[in-house]
Each structure stands twice: as C-alpha cells, then as structure tokens.
Amino acid sequence: EIWTLFKKQNQGNSLRDDLFVTISGPVQYWKLIGCFTVAGIGTFVNVFIIVSHFDTVCFPAFWLGIFRDGSRYEQFLVLTMACFWGGGLHINTSPLSVGEAQANV
C-alpha cells in the first residue's frame, strides 16, 4: 500500500520511474525502502543485544556460552554488525539517497 502511494504521488514528477521526487531532490525507490529496512532491522538487533546483557536473569548458561571471552559467536556478531552498518551507511548517504535529500539522516 505504501508503494502504491509513492507511485501515485510521483506520477508525472520524474523523468525516471526509479526515482521518488522530494522537495529536496530525487531519491531512488530501493534506497528509500532500504532506509526503512536498515532502521527496522538495526533496532531489532540492537534491542536483542541489550536484552542479552541481562545474562544473570534470562538463560544465564546460554548467554555465558555465547559471549564468553574469545567466543566465535561474539566475533561473528561484531563483524556482521560492522558490515550491516557499513551497508546501511551506503544506503542512507550515497548519491540519490535519503541522506542526500534530507541532511539529518
């Protein structure tokens, strides 16, 4: 439904079908959707990480096994988050993105 509203608002406003025209400038549709997706997934994962720090309350043996010193799971999580936020940075700040059209992104 949101996609339909974007298309309806944008009809006749753009020379290219893959651009959403804003007051500040054009934004590619996939970067617009990607901006919302990165924010949603990032919020969910970060809440999960915060909850996992309550390891003395909820499943202490499980959390201690995953996040012990030198754990491969912890290393994988750090590398995955670095790649995820690097991709999110590209989606939000590259040319024809939301960050180019709105400075506070």
PDB file of N, CA and C in Angstrom:
ATOM      1  N   GLU A   1       0.817  -1.188   0.000  1.00  0.00           N
ATOM      2  CA  GLU A   1       0.000   0.000   0.000  1.00  0.00           C
ATOM      3  C   GLU A   1       0.864   1.256   0.000  1.00  0.00           C
ATOM      4  N   ILE A   2       1.926   1.262   0.781  1.00  0.00           N
ATOM      5  CA  ILE A   2       2.820   2.423   0.811  1.00  0.00           C
ATOM      6  C   ILE A   2       3.449   2.639  -0.559  1.00  0.00           C
ATOM      7  N   TRP A   3       3.867   1.536  -1.189  1.00  0.00           N
ATOM      8  CA  TRP A   3       4.474   1.631  -2.513  1.00  0.00           C
ATOM      9  C   TRP A   3       3.496   2.258  -3.505  1.00  0.00           C
ATOM     10  N   THR A   4       2.212   1.896  -3.423  1.00  0.00           N
ATOM     11  CA  THR A   4       1.192   2.465  -4.304  1.00  0.00           C
ATOM     12  C   THR A   4       1.054   3.967  -4.077  1.00  0.00           C
ATOM     13  N   LEU A   5       1.096   4.384  -2.823  1.00  0.00           N
ATOM     14  CA  LEU A   5       1.007   5.815  -2.521  1.00  0.00           C
ATOM     15  C   LEU A   5       2.208   6.569  -3.087  1.00  0.00           C
ATOM     16  N   PHE A   6       3.404   5.997  -2.984  1.00  0.00           N
ATOM     17  CA  PHE A   6       4.586   6.632  -3.552  1.00  0.00           C
ATOM     18  C   PHE A   6       4.436   6.788  -5.059  1.00  0.00           C
ATOM     19  N   LYS A   7       4.004   5.714  -5.719  1.00  0.00           N
ATOM     20  CA  LYS A   7       3.840   5.762  -7.169  1.00  0.00           C
ATOM     21  C   LYS A   7       2.778   6.786  -7.568  1.00  0.00           C
ATOM     22  N   LYS A   8       1.676   6.825  -6.808  1.00  0.00           N
ATOM     23  CA  LYS A   8       0.582   7.743  -7.118  1.00  0.00           C
ATOM     24  C   LYS A   8       1.042   9.196  -6.975  1.00  0.00           C
ATOM     25  N   GLN A   9       1.766   9.503  -5.894  1.00  0.00           N
ATOM     26  CA  GLN A   9       2.235  10.863  -5.653  1.00  0.00           C
ATOM     27  C   GLN A   9       3.258  11.276  -6.702  1.00  0.00           C
ATOM     28  N   ASN A  10       4.029  10.328  -7.184  1.00  0.00           N
ATOM     29  CA  ASN A  10       5.161  10.618  -8.034  1.00  0.00           C
ATOM     30  C   ASN A  10       4.830  10.623  -9.524  1.00  0.00           C
ATOM     31  N   GLN A  11       3.627  10.258  -9.906  1.00  0.00           N
ATOM     32  CA  GLN A  11       3.284  10.173 -11.331  1.00  0.00           C
ATOM     33  C   GLN A  11       3.446  11.537 -12.005  1.00  0.00           C
ATOM     34  N   GLY A  12       4.240  11.540 -13.060  1.00  0.00           N
ATOM     35  CA  GLY A  12       4.443  12.773 -13.812  1.00  0.00           C
ATOM     36  C   GLY A  12       5.472  13.707 -13.220  1.00  0.00           C
ATOM     37  N   ASN A  13       6.026  13.394 -12.059  1.00  0.00           N
ATOM     38  CA  ASN A  13       7.001  14.280 -11.417  1.00  0.00           C
ATOM     39  C   ASN A  13       8.439  13.905 -11.713  1.00  0.00           C
ATOM     40  N   SER A  14       8.671  12.793 -12.349  1.00  0.00           N
ATOM     41  CA  SER A  14      10.026  12.303 -12.529  1.00  0.00           C
ATOM     42  C   SER A  14      10.256  11.878 -13.970  1.00  0.00           C
ATOM     43  N   LEU A  15      11.479  12.070 -14.422  1.00  0.00           N
ATOM     44  CA  LEU A  15      11.848  11.600 -15.755  1.00  0.00           C
ATOM     45  C   LEU A  15      12.153  10.109 -15.745  1.00  0.00           C
ATOM     46  N   ARG A  16      12.458   9.567 -14.574  1.00  0.00           N
ATOM     47  CA  ARG A  16      12.777   8.148 -14.428  1.00  0.00           C
ATOM     48  C   ARG A  16      11.804   7.505 -13.454  1.00  0.00           C
ATOM     49  N   ASP A  17      11.405   6.259 -13.736  1.00  0.00           N
ATOM     50  CA  ASP A  17      10.459   5.561 -12.875  1.00  0.00           C
ATOM     51  C   ASP A  17      11.061   5.110 -11.558  1.00  0.00           C
ATOM     52  N   ASP A  18      12.388   5.010 -11.469  1.00  0.00           N
ATOM     53  CA  ASP A  18      13.017   4.514 -10.251  1.00  0.00           C
ATOM     54  C   ASP A  18      13.337   5.620  -9.255  1.00  0.00           C
ATOM     55  N   LEU A  19      12.864   6.846  -9.490  1.00  0.00           N
ATOM     56  CA  LEU A  19      13.147   7.960  -8.586  1.00  0.00           C
ATOM     57  C   LEU A  19      11.874   8.456  -7.916  1.00  0.00           C
ATOM     58  N   PHE A  20      11.984   8.747  -6.638  1.00  0.00           N
ATOM     59  CA  PHE A  20      10.912   9.374  -5.877  1.00  0.00           C
ATOM     60  C   PHE A  20      11.299  10.830  -5.705  1.00  0.00           C
ATOM     61  N   VAL A  21      10.473  11.748  -6.145  1.00  0.00           N
ATOM     62  CA  VAL A  21      10.812  13.162  -6.111  1.00  0.00           C
ATOM     63  C   VAL A  21      10.371  13.765  -4.782  1.00  0.00           C
ATOM     64  N   THR A  22      11.333  14.347  -4.069  1.00  0.00           N
ATOM     65  CA  THR A  22      11.040  15.058  -2.819  1.00  0.00           C
ATOM     66  C   THR A  22      11.264  16.545  -3.048  1.00  0.00           C
ATOM     67  N   ILE A  23      10.960  17.342  -2.051  1.00  0.00           N
ATOM     68  CA  ILE A  23      11.200  18.786  -2.148  1.00  0.00           C
ATOM     69  C   ILE A  23      12.687  19.071  -2.265  1.00  0.00           C
ATOM     70  N   SER A  24      13.498  18.270  -1.543  1.00  0.00           N
ATOM     71  CA  SER A  24      14.946  18.488  -1.533  1.00  0.00           C
ATOM     72  C   SER A  24      15.665  17.884  -2.718  1.00  0.00           C
ATOM     73  N   GLY A  25      15.054  16.948  -3.411  1.00  0.00           N
ATOM     74  CA  GLY A  25      15.699  16.312  -4.549  1.00  0.00           C
ATOM     75  C   GLY A  25      15.218  14.885  -4.725  1.00  0.00           C
ATOM     76  N   PRO A  26      15.657  14.231  -5.809  1.00  0.00           N
ATOM     77  CA  PRO A  26      15.194  12.868  -6.086  1.00  0.00           C
ATOM     78  C   PRO A  26      15.874  11.823  -5.205  1.00  0.00           C
ATOM     79  N   VAL A  27      15.144  10.736  -4.933  1.00  0.00           N
ATOM     80  CA  VAL A  27      15.658   9.609  -4.148  1.00  0.00           C
ATOM     81  C   VAL A  27      15.267   8.332  -4.889  1.00  0.00           C
ATOM     82  N   GLN A  28      16.216   7.386  -5.015  1.00  0.00           N
ATOM     83  CA  GLN A  28      15.886   6.113  -5.646  1.00  0.00           C
ATOM     84  C   GLN A  28      14.965   5.325  -4.727  1.00  0.00           C
ATOM     85  N   TYR A  29      13.971   4.638  -5.318  1.00  0.00           N
ATOM     86  CA  TYR A  29      12.997   3.878  -4.528  1.00  0.00           C
ATOM     87  C   TYR A  29      13.660   2.826  -3.648  1.00  0.00           C
ATOM     88  N   TRP A  30      14.621   2.067  -4.186  1.00  0.00           N
ATOM     89  CA  TRP A  30      15.228   0.993  -3.392  1.00  0.00           C
ATOM     90  C   TRP A  30      15.998   1.555  -2.206  1.00  0.00           C
ATOM     91  N   LYS A  31      16.534   2.770  -2.339  1.00  0.00           N
ATOM     92  CA  LYS A  31      17.235   3.379  -1.208  1.00  0.00           C
ATOM     93  C   LYS A  31      16.245   3.910  -0.174  1.00  0.00           C
ATOM     94  N   LEU A  32      15.095   4.346  -0.631  1.00  0.00           N
ATOM     95  CA  LEU A  32      14.051   4.787   0.284  1.00  0.00           C
ATOM     96  C   LEU A  32      13.545   3.621   1.127  1.00  0.00           C
ATOM     97  N   ILE A  33      13.235   2.496   0.473  1.00  0.00           N
ATOM     98  CA  ILE A  33      12.794   1.296   1.183  1.00  0.00           C
ATOM     99  C   ILE A  33      13.940   0.748   2.035  1.00  0.00           C
ATOM    100  N   GLY A  34      15.157   0.784   1.510  1.00  0.00           N
ATOM    101  CA  GLY A  34      16.323   0.317   2.258  1.00  0.00           C
ATOM    102  C   GLY A  34      16.556   1.105   3.527  1.00  0.00           C
ATOM    103  N   CYS A  35      16.276   2.393   3.491  1.00  0.00           N
ATOM    104  CA  CYS A  35      16.436   3.242   4.679  1.00  0.00           C
ATOM    105  C   CYS A  35      15.524   2.762   5.804  1.00  0.00           C
ATOM    106  N   PHE A  36      14.268   2.467   5.483  1.00  0.00           N
ATOM    107  CA  PHE A  36      13.333   1.960   6.490  1.00  0.00           C
ATOM    108  C   PHE A  36      13.735   0.567   6.960  1.00  0.00           C
ATOM    109  N   THR A  37      14.208  -0.257   6.042  1.00  0.00           N
ATOM    110  CA  THR A  37      14.596  -1.629   6.376  1.00  0.00           C
ATOM    111  C   THR A  37      15.805  -1.641   7.300  1.00  0.00           C
ATOM    112  N   VAL A  38      16.814  -0.846   6.986  1.00  0.00           N
ATOM    113  CA  VAL A  38      18.012  -0.768   7.841  1.00  0.00           C
ATOM    114  C   VAL A  38      17.631  -0.297   9.239  1.00  0.00           C
ATOM    115  N   ALA A  39      16.783   0.696   9.324  1.00  0.00           N
ATOM    116  CA  ALA A  39      16.371   1.204  10.638  1.00  0.00           C
ATOM    117  C   ALA A  39      15.623   0.141  11.435  1.00  0.00           C
ATOM    118  N   GLY A  40      14.719  -0.585  10.787  1.00  0.00           N
ATOM    119  CA  GLY A  40      13.933  -1.614  11.482  1.00  0.00           C
ATOM    120  C   GLY A  40      14.781  -2.782  11.951  1.00  0.00           C
ATOM    121  N   ILE A  41      15.592  -3.316  11.048  1.00  0.00           N
ATOM    122  CA  ILE A  41      16.444  -4.449  11.417  1.00  0.00           C
ATOM    123  C   ILE A  41      17.470  -4.032  12.454  1.00  0.00           C
ATOM    124  N   GLY A  42      18.069  -2.860  12.273  1.00  0.00           N
ATOM    125  CA  GLY A  42      19.057  -2.371  13.233  1.00  0.00           C
ATOM    126  C   GLY A  42      18.476  -2.201  14.626  1.00  0.00           C
ATOM    127  N   THR A  43      17.271  -1.688  14.709  1.00  0.00           N
ATOM    128  CA  THR A  43      16.615  -1.531  16.010  1.00  0.00           C
ATOM    129  C   THR A  43      16.365  -2.885  16.655  1.00  0.00           C
ATOM    130  N   PHE A  44      15.841  -3.839  15.898  1.00  0.00           N
ATOM    131  CA  PHE A  44      15.560  -5.172  16.426  1.00  0.00           C
ATOM    132  C   PHE A  44      16.839  -5.845  16.943  1.00  0.00           C
ATOM    133  N   VAL A  45      17.905  -5.817  16.158  1.00  0.00           N
ATOM    134  CA  VAL A  45      19.157  -6.471  16.549  1.00  0.00           C
ATOM    135  C   VAL A  45      19.764  -5.793  17.773  1.00  0.00           C
ATOM    136  N   ASN A  46      19.731  -4.479  17.823  1.00  0.00           N
ATOM    137  CA  ASN A  46      20.305  -3.777  18.974  1.00  0.00           C
ATOM    138  C   ASN A  46      19.502  -4.016  20.245  1.00  0.00           C
ATOM    139  N   VAL A  47      18.181  -4.128  20.138  1.00  0.00           N
ATOM    140  CA  VAL A  47      17.376  -4.477  21.314  1.00  0.00           C
ATOM    141  C   VAL A  47      17.726  -5.886  21.785  1.00  0.00           C
ATOM    142  N   PHE A  48      17.934  -6.810  20.836  1.00  0.00           N
ATOM    143  CA  PHE A  48      18.352  -8.168  21.180  1.00  0.00           C
ATOM    144  C   PHE A  48      19.688  -8.156  21.937  1.00  0.00           C
ATOM    145  N   ILE A  49      20.621  -7.340  21.477  1.00  0.00           N
ATOM    146  CA  ILE A  49      21.926  -7.254  22.141  1.00  0.00           C
ATOM    147  C   ILE A  49      21.775  -6.676  23.545  1.00  0.00           C
ATOM    148  N   ILE A  50      20.944  -5.679  23.707  1.00  0.00           N
ATOM    149  CA  ILE A  50      20.713  -5.097  25.036  1.00  0.00           C
ATOM    150  C   ILE A  50      20.092  -6.129  25.969  1.00  0.00           C
ATOM    151  N   VAL A  51      19.100  -6.873  25.483  1.00  0.00           N
ATOM    152  CA  VAL A  51      18.456  -7.909  26.301  1.00  0.00           C
ATOM    153  C   VAL A  51      19.453  -8.998  26.681  1.00  0.00           C
ATOM    154  N   SER A  52      20.369  -9.308  25.782  1.00  0.00           N
ATOM    155  CA  SER A  52      21.340 -10.363  26.087  1.00  0.00           C
ATOM    156  C   SER A  52      22.298  -9.961  27.197  1.00  0.00           C
ATOM    157  N   HIS A  53      22.384  -8.685  27.513  1.00  0.00           N
ATOM    158  CA  HIS A  53      23.246  -8.259  28.609  1.00  0.00           C
ATOM    159  C   HIS A  53      22.616  -8.496  29.983  1.00  0.00           C
ATOM    160  N   PHE A  54      21.363  -8.896  30.010  1.00  0.00           N
ATOM    161  CA  PHE A  54      20.727  -9.302  31.264  1.00  0.00           C
ATOM    162  C   PHE A  54      20.954 -10.794  31.480  1.00  0.00           C
ATOM    163  N   ASP A  55      22.194 -11.220  31.306  1.00  0.00           N
ATOM    164  CA  ASP A  55      22.509 -12.645  31.288  1.00  0.00           C
ATOM    165  C   ASP A  55      22.380 -13.333  32.640  1.00  0.00           C
ATOM    166  N   THR A  56      22.266 -12.595  33.723  1.00  0.00           N
ATOM    167  CA  THR A  56      22.070 -13.250  35.016  1.00  0.00           C
ATOM    168  C   THR A  56      20.599 -13.520  35.294  1.00  0.00           C
ATOM    169  N   VAL A  57      19.712 -12.956  34.485  1.00  0.00           N
ATOM    170  CA  VAL A  57      18.282 -13.112  34.700  1.00  0.00           C
ATOM    171  C   VAL A  57      17.669 -14.132  33.738  1.00  0.00           C
ATOM    172  N   CYS A  58      17.940 -13.986  32.449  1.00  0.00           N
ATOM    173  CA  CYS A  58      17.320 -14.825  31.422  1.00  0.00           C
ATOM    174  C   CYS A  58      18.357 -15.765  30.804  1.00  0.00           C
ATOM    175  N   PHE A  59      18.224 -17.044  31.014  1.00  0.00           N
ATOM    176  CA  PHE A  59      19.080 -18.068  30.405  1.00  0.00           C
ATOM    177  C   PHE A  59      20.576 -17.810  30.602  1.00  0.00           C
ATOM    178  N   PRO A  60      21.062 -17.724  31.816  1.00  0.00           N
ATOM    179  CA  PRO A  60      22.469 -17.353  32.042  1.00  0.00           C
ATOM    180  C   PRO A  60      23.474 -18.314  31.399  1.00  0.00           C
ATOM    181  N   ALA A  61      23.228 -19.616  31.418  1.00  0.00           N
ATOM    182  CA  ALA A  61      24.187 -20.562  30.829  1.00  0.00           C
ATOM    183  C   ALA A  61      24.295 -20.353  29.309  1.00  0.00           C
ATOM    184  N   PHE A  62      23.167 -20.068  28.659  1.00  0.00           N
ATOM    185  CA  PHE A  62      23.164 -19.840  27.218  1.00  0.00           C
ATOM    186  C   PHE A  62      23.990 -18.603  26.857  1.00  0.00           C
ATOM    187  N   TRP A  63      23.740 -17.491  27.539  1.00  0.00           N
ATOM    188  CA  TRP A  63      24.446 -16.241  27.218  1.00  0.00           C
ATOM    189  C   TRP A  63      25.928 -16.337  27.550  1.00  0.00           C
ATOM    190  N   LEU A  64      26.255 -16.976  28.665  1.00  0.00           N
ATOM    191  CA  LEU A  64      27.669 -17.118  29.017  1.00  0.00           C
ATOM    192  C   LEU A  64      28.393 -17.992  28.005  1.00  0.00           C
ATOM    193  N   GLY A  65      27.722 -18.989  27.455  1.00  0.00           N
ATOM    194  CA  GLY A  65      28.337 -19.830  26.432  1.00  0.00           C
ATOM    195  C   GLY A  65      28.584 -19.084  25.133  1.00  0.00           C
ATOM    196  N   ILE A  66      27.667 -18.216  24.776  1.00  0.00           N
ATOM    197  CA  ILE A  66      27.801 -17.475  23.515  1.00  0.00           C
ATOM    198  C   ILE A  66      28.781 -16.308  23.639  1.00  0.00           C
ATOM    199  N   PHE A  67      28.735 -15.578  24.752  1.00  0.00           N
ATOM    200  CA  PHE A  67      29.530 -14.353  24.876  1.00  0.00           C
ATOM    201  C   PHE A  67      30.728 -14.484  25.811  1.00  0.00           C
ATOM    202  N   ARG A  68      31.242 -15.678  26.010  1.00  0.00           N
ATOM    203  CA  ARG A  68      32.448 -15.824  26.832  1.00  0.00           C
ATOM    204  C   ARG A  68      33.637 -15.199  26.095  1.00  0.00           C
ATOM    205  N   ASP A  69      34.734 -14.966  26.798  1.00  0.00           N
ATOM    206  CA  ASP A  69      35.917 -14.369  26.187  1.00  0.00           C
ATOM    207  C   ASP A  69      36.425 -15.232  25.046  1.00  0.00           C
ATOM    208  N   GLY A  70      36.685 -14.625  23.913  1.00  0.00           N
ATOM    209  CA  GLY A  70      37.200 -15.342  22.746  1.00  0.00           C
ATOM    210  C   GLY A  70      36.159 -16.131  21.981  1.00  0.00           C
ATOM    211  N   SER A  71      34.886 -15.876  22.222  1.00  0.00           N
ATOM    212  CA  SER A  71      33.811 -16.627  21.567  1.00  0.00           C
ATOM    213  C   SER A  71      33.734 -16.310  20.077  1.00  0.00           C
ATOM    214  N   ARG A  72      33.560 -17.340  19.262  1.00  0.00           N
ATOM    215  CA  ARG A  72      33.375 -17.154  17.814  1.00  0.00           C
ATOM    216  C   ARG A  72      32.035 -16.469  17.519  1.00  0.00           C
ATOM    217  N   TYR A  73      31.019 -16.724  18.323  1.00  0.00           N
ATOM    218  CA  TYR A  73      29.715 -16.088  18.125  1.00  0.00           C
ATOM    219  C   TYR A  73      29.819 -14.574  18.305  1.00  0.00           C
ATOM    220  N   GLU A  74      30.558 -14.176  19.333  1.00  0.00           N
ATOM    221  CA  GLU A  74      30.719 -12.743  19.576  1.00  0.00           C
ATOM    222  C   GLU A  74      31.502 -12.093  18.441  1.00  0.00           C
ATOM    223  N   GLN A  75      32.543 -12.753  17.970  1.00  0.00           N
ATOM    224  CA  GLN A  75      33.324 -12.235  16.853  1.00  0.00           C
ATOM    225  C   GLN A  75      32.449 -12.136  15.593  1.00  0.00           C
ATOM    226  N   PHE A  76      31.650 -13.151  15.328  1.00  0.00           N
ATOM    227  CA  PHE A  76      30.746 -13.134  14.187  1.00  0.00           C
ATOM    228  C   PHE A  76      29.744 -11.989  14.303  1.00  0.00           C
ATOM    229  N   LEU A  77      29.212 -11.764  15.511  1.00  0.00           N
ATOM    230  CA  LEU A  77      28.255 -10.689  15.725  1.00  0.00           C
ATOM    231  C   LEU A  77      28.887  -9.327  15.446  1.00  0.00           C
ATOM    232  N   VAL A  78      30.104  -9.110  15.924  1.00  0.00           N
ATOM    233  CA  VAL A  78      30.784  -7.832  15.705  1.00  0.00           C
ATOM    234  C   VAL A  78      31.048  -7.608  14.215  1.00  0.00           C
ATOM    235  N   LEU A  79      31.541  -8.628  13.519  1.00  0.00           N
ATOM    236  CA  LEU A  79      31.809  -8.491  12.083  1.00  0.00           C
ATOM    237  C   LEU A  79      30.516  -8.286  11.282  1.00  0.00           C
ATOM    238  N   THR A  80      29.475  -9.014  11.647  1.00  0.00           N
ATOM    239  CA  THR A  80      28.191  -8.868  10.963  1.00  0.00           C
ATOM    240  C   THR A  80      27.622  -7.473  11.166  1.00  0.00           C
ATOM    241  N   MET A  81      27.698  -6.969  12.385  1.00  0.00           N
ATOM    242  CA  MET A  81      27.176  -5.624  12.658  1.00  0.00           C
ATOM    243  C   MET A  81      27.987  -4.563  11.929  1.00  0.00           C
ATOM    244  N   ALA A  82      29.300  -4.724  11.842  1.00  0.00           N
ATOM    245  CA  ALA A  82      30.125  -3.755  11.111  1.00  0.00           C
ATOM    246  C   ALA A  82      29.745  -3.737   9.630  1.00  0.00           C
ATOM    247  N   CYS A  83      29.555  -4.910   9.040  1.00  0.00           N
ATOM    248  CA  CYS A  83      29.139  -4.986   7.630  1.00  0.00           C
ATOM    249  C   CYS A  83      27.728  -4.435   7.433  1.00  0.00           C
ATOM    250  N   PHE A  84      26.826  -4.769   8.354  1.00  0.00           N
ATOM    251  CA  PHE A  84      25.442  -4.297   8.268  1.00  0.00           C
ATOM    252  C   PHE A  84      25.387  -2.769   8.319  1.00  0.00           C
ATOM    253  N   TRP A  85      26.065  -2.165   9.294  1.00  0.00           N
ATOM    254  CA  TRP A  85      26.019  -0.709   9.420  1.00  0.00           C
ATOM    255  C   TRP A  85      26.811  -0.025   8.312  1.00  0.00           C
ATOM    256  N   GLY A  86      27.837  -0.686   7.773  1.00  0.00           N
ATOM    257  CA  GLY A  86      28.525  -0.142   6.604  1.00  0.00           C
ATOM    258  C   GLY A  86      27.599  -0.089   5.396  1.00  0.00           C
ATOM    259  N   GLY A  87      26.836  -1.161   5.188  1.00  0.00           N
ATOM    260  CA  GLY A  87      25.838  -1.172   4.117  1.00  0.00           C
ATOM    261  C   GLY A  87      24.746  -0.139   4.352  1.00  0.00           C
ATOM    262  N   GLY A  88      24.320  -0.020   5.607  1.00  0.00           N
ATOM    263  CA  GLY A  88      23.313   0.987   5.942  1.00  0.00           C
ATOM    264  C   GLY A  88      23.807   2.403   5.701  1.00  0.00           C
ATOM    265  N   LEU A  89      25.069   2.634   6.000  1.00  0.00           N
ATOM    266  CA  LEU A  89      25.667   3.946   5.744  1.00  0.00           C
ATOM    267  C   LEU A  89      25.652   4.258   4.249  1.00  0.00           C
ATOM    268  N   HIS A  90      25.975   3.266   3.430  1.00  0.00           N
ATOM    269  CA  HIS A  90      25.940   3.464   1.978  1.00  0.00           C
ATOM    270  C   HIS A  90      24.512   3.748   1.489  1.00  0.00           C
ATOM    271  N   ILE A  91      23.557   2.965   1.959  1.00  0.00           N
ATOM    272  CA  ILE A  91      22.168   3.159   1.527  1.00  0.00           C
ATOM    273  C   ILE A  91      21.660   4.548   1.910  1.00  0.00           C
ATOM    274  N   ASN A  92      22.034   5.022   3.095  1.00  0.00           N
ATOM    275  CA  ASN A  92      21.492   6.283   3.592  1.00  0.00           C
ATOM    276  C   ASN A  92      22.240   7.529   3.135  1.00  0.00           C
ATOM    277  N   THR A  93      23.495   7.401   2.675  1.00  0.00           N
ATOM    278  CA  THR A  93      24.266   8.611   2.376  1.00  0.00           C
ATOM    279  C   THR A  93      24.837   8.683   0.970  1.00  0.00           C
ATOM    280  N   SER A  94      24.650   7.666   0.139  1.00  0.00           N
ATOM    281  CA  SER A  94      25.182   7.701  -1.219  1.00  0.00           C
ATOM    282  C   SER A  94      24.332   8.619  -2.109  1.00  0.00           C
ATOM    283  N   PRO A  95      24.821   8.924  -3.313  1.00  0.00           N
ATOM    284  CA  PRO A  95      24.037   9.787  -4.219  1.00  0.00           C
ATOM    285  C   PRO A  95      22.634   9.220  -4.496  1.00  0.00           C
ATOM    286  N   LEU A  96      21.684  10.106  -4.635  1.00  0.00           N
ATOM    287  CA  LEU A  96      20.266   9.783  -4.849  1.00  0.00           C
ATOM    288  C   LEU A  96      19.694   8.944  -3.704  1.00  0.00           C
ATOM    289  N   SER A  97      20.082   9.271  -2.473  1.00  0.00           N
ATOM    290  CA  SER A  97      19.572   8.571  -1.298  1.00  0.00           C
ATOM    291  C   SER A  97      18.854   9.549  -0.381  1.00  0.00           C
ATOM    292  N   VAL A  98      18.276   9.027   0.678  1.00  0.00           N
ATOM    293  CA  VAL A  98      17.542   9.853   1.627  1.00  0.00           C
ATOM    294  C   VAL A  98      18.464  10.857   2.303  1.00  0.00           C
ATOM    295  N   GLY A  99      19.694  10.449   2.605  1.00  0.00           N
ATOM    296  CA  GLY A  99      20.647  11.345   3.254  1.00  0.00           C
ATOM    297  C   GLY A  99      21.044  12.526   2.401  1.00  0.00           C
ATOM    298  N   GLU A 100      20.998  12.356   1.092  1.00  0.00           N
ATOM    299  CA  GLU A 100      21.309  13.482   0.204  1.00  0.00           C
ATOM    300  C   GLU A 100      20.134  14.462   0.154  1.00  0.00           C
ATOM    301  N   ALA A 101      18.915  13.941   0.267  1.00  0.00           N
ATOM    302  CA  ALA A 101      17.727  14.794   0.197  1.00  0.00           C
ATOM    303  C   ALA A 101      17.387  15.402   1.560  1.00  0.00           C
ATOM    304  N   GLN A 102      17.806  14.746   2.652  1.00  0.00           N
ATOM    305  CA  GLN A 102      17.492  15.240   3.994  1.00  0.00           C
ATOM    306  C   GLN A 102      18.752  15.122   4.842  1.00  0.00           C
ATOM    307  N   ALA A 103      19.261  16.220   5.303  1.00  0.00           N
ATOM    308  CA  ALA A 103      20.586  16.269   5.937  1.00  0.00           C
ATOM    309  C   ALA A 103      20.664  15.559   7.287  1.00  0.00           C
ATOM    310  N   ASN A 104      19.574  15.366   7.994  1.00  0.00           N
ATOM    311  CA  ASN A 104      19.648  14.790   9.341  1.00  0.00           C
ATOM    312  C   ASN A 104      19.612  13.277   9.357  1.00  0.00           C
ATOM    313  N   VAL A 105      19.722  12.605   8.218  1.00  0.00           N
ATOM    314  CA  VAL A 105      19.706  11.134   8.173  1.00  0.00           C
ATOM    315  C   VAL A 105      21.100  10.612   8.406  1.00  0.00           C
TER     316      VAL A 105
END
